[in-house]
């Protein structure tokens, strides 16, 4: 397999981080509406993806992850099964796998208290009748 251009790799990494931060910001808005408590982003990084501060000063880590199919699985499901989206069972299986994986990583996080944000991307289609 050919090496990827370092500039493209850096761009991809930066783009993924921007998506993570956008998901975290959307979550924080929903969190405040649901709980009445504002969490403010103190720092964006890795392990966890963001460190937020509660009004009482408590630090909370927010670790974001996305449910995705591998490009190979997406290709073959599209070709063989004529499916463009991930199957419900496969989605649930992937969510469980991500929870277990992130749970193991949590012991290495900078914060003691953490929230796992699982982003599920859905494609919306418009059908013309």
Protein backbone atom coordinates (compact mmCIF):
# COMPACT_ATOMS: atom_id res chain seq x y z
CA UNK A 1 0.00 0.00 0.00
CA UNK A 2 1.36 3.43 -0.94
CA UNK A 3 2.20 5.94 1.77
CA UNK A 4 -0.21 8.81 2.14
CA UNK A 5 1.04 12.34 1.69
CA UNK A 6 1.82 13.81 5.16
CA UNK A 7 -0.06 16.99 4.28
CA UNK A 8 -3.20 15.01 3.43
CA UNK A 9 -2.86 12.98 6.63
CA UNK A 10 -2.57 16.20 8.68
CA UNK A 11 -5.58 17.69 6.88
CA UNK A 12 -7.65 14.53 7.55
CA UNK A 13 -6.67 14.58 11.23
CA UNK A 14 -7.57 18.27 11.56
CA UNK A 15 -10.89 17.71 9.76
CA UNK A 16 -11.81 14.77 12.05
CA UNK A 17 -10.97 16.87 15.14
CA UNK A 18 -13.21 19.70 13.86
CA UNK A 19 -16.06 17.18 13.41
CA UNK A 20 -15.50 15.90 16.96
CA UNK A 21 -15.59 19.41 18.40
CA UNK A 22 -18.78 20.23 16.46
CA UNK A 23 -20.43 17.07 17.84
CA UNK A 24 -19.27 17.92 21.37
CA UNK A 25 -20.59 21.49 21.10
CA UNK A 26 -23.98 20.19 19.91
CA UNK A 27 -24.00 17.74 22.83
CA UNK A 28 -23.18 20.49 25.33
CA UNK A 29 -26.11 22.57 24.09
CA UNK A 30 -28.45 19.58 24.46
CA UNK A 31 -26.94 18.75 27.87
CA UNK A 32 -27.72 22.24 29.15
CA UNK A 33 -31.31 22.07 27.85
CA UNK A 34 -31.79 18.66 29.45
CA UNK A 35 -30.12 19.29 32.81
CA UNK A 36 -30.11 23.06 33.23
CA UNK A 37 -26.38 22.82 33.88
CA UNK A 38 -23.87 24.48 31.57
CA UNK A 39 -20.62 22.72 30.76
CA UNK A 40 -17.91 24.95 29.28
CA UNK A 41 -15.08 23.57 27.16
CA UNK A 42 -11.78 24.22 28.92
CA UNK A 43 -9.51 22.29 26.61
CA UNK A 44 -9.71 20.28 23.40
CA UNK A 45 -7.29 17.41 23.05
CA UNK A 46 -7.12 13.64 23.22
CA UNK A 47 -8.02 11.21 25.99
CA UNK A 48 -10.60 12.70 26.48
CA UNK A 49 -11.45 14.71 23.39
CA UNK A 50 -12.57 17.69 25.49
CA UNK A 51 -12.29 18.70 29.12
CA UNK A 52 -15.27 20.71 30.34
CA UNK A 53 -15.91 22.59 33.56
CA UNK A 54 -19.15 22.48 35.54
CA UNK A 55 -20.33 25.64 37.33
CA UNK A 56 -18.99 24.20 40.61
CA UNK A 57 -15.52 23.84 39.05
CA UNK A 58 -15.62 20.06 38.59
CA UNK A 59 -13.84 18.88 35.46
CA UNK A 60 -15.69 16.48 33.18
CA UNK A 61 -14.12 14.72 30.23
CA UNK A 62 -16.12 14.25 27.04
CA UNK A 63 -14.96 11.46 24.77
CA UNK A 64 -16.59 11.44 21.35
CA UNK A 65 -16.75 8.46 19.04
CA UNK A 66 -18.70 7.76 15.87
CA UNK A 67 -20.48 4.64 14.76
CA UNK A 68 -19.14 3.81 11.31
CA UNK A 69 -18.79 0.88 8.98
CA UNK A 70 -15.43 0.08 7.51
CA UNK A 71 -15.15 1.19 3.87
CA UNK A 72 -14.79 -2.46 2.87
CA UNK A 73 -17.95 -3.52 4.74
CA UNK A 74 -19.86 -0.57 3.28
CA UNK A 75 -18.73 -1.52 -0.23
CA UNK A 76 -19.69 -5.18 0.01
CA UNK A 77 -23.01 -4.51 1.74
CA UNK A 78 -23.82 -2.06 -1.03
CA UNK A 79 -22.81 -4.46 -3.81
CA UNK A 80 -24.12 -7.74 -2.41
CA UNK A 81 -27.09 -6.67 -0.29
CA UNK A 82 -27.99 -3.38 -2.01
CA UNK A 83 -27.77 -1.65 1.41
CA UNK A 84 -26.47 1.87 1.69
CA UNK A 85 -26.95 2.14 5.45
CA UNK A 86 -25.70 0.08 8.34
CA UNK A 87 -28.05 -2.66 9.52
CA UNK A 88 -29.73 -2.04 12.90
CA UNK A 89 -28.18 -5.14 14.47
CA UNK A 90 -24.72 -4.21 13.15
CA UNK A 91 -25.18 -0.68 14.52
CA UNK A 92 -26.06 -1.96 18.00
CA UNK A 93 -23.16 -4.40 17.90
CA UNK A 94 -20.78 -1.56 16.98
CA UNK A 95 -22.15 0.65 19.78
CA UNK A 96 -21.48 -2.11 22.33
CA UNK A 97 -17.98 -2.63 20.92
CA UNK A 98 -17.23 1.10 21.17
CA UNK A 99 -18.52 1.31 24.75
CA UNK A 100 -16.24 -1.56 25.78
CA UNK A 101 -13.27 -0.11 23.88
CA UNK A 102 -13.69 3.41 25.30
CA UNK A 103 -14.33 2.00 28.78
CA UNK A 104 -10.91 0.38 28.69
CA UNK A 105 -9.27 3.62 27.53
CA UNK A 106 -11.02 5.65 30.25
CA UNK A 107 -8.53 4.59 32.93
CA UNK A 108 -5.88 6.58 31.01
CA UNK A 109 -7.96 9.77 30.72
CA UNK A 110 -6.86 13.02 32.30
CA UNK A 111 -10.22 13.37 34.10
CA UNK A 112 -11.83 11.12 36.70
CA UNK A 113 -15.40 11.89 35.56
CA UNK A 114 -16.21 11.34 31.91
CA UNK A 115 -19.09 11.27 29.47
CA UNK A 116 -18.99 9.02 26.40
CA UNK A 117 -20.67 10.70 23.44
CA UNK A 118 -21.60 8.22 20.72
CA UNK A 119 -22.40 9.97 17.45
CA UNK A 120 -24.53 8.10 14.99
CA UNK A 121 -24.42 9.61 11.52
CA UNK A 122 -27.61 9.26 9.57
CA UNK A 123 -28.05 10.14 5.97
CA UNK A 124 -31.23 11.93 5.15
CA UNK A 125 -32.73 11.40 1.74
CA UNK A 126 -35.34 13.31 -0.12
CA UNK A 127 -37.66 11.29 -2.29
CA UNK A 128 -39.58 12.91 -5.11
CA UNK A 129 -43.02 11.47 -5.75
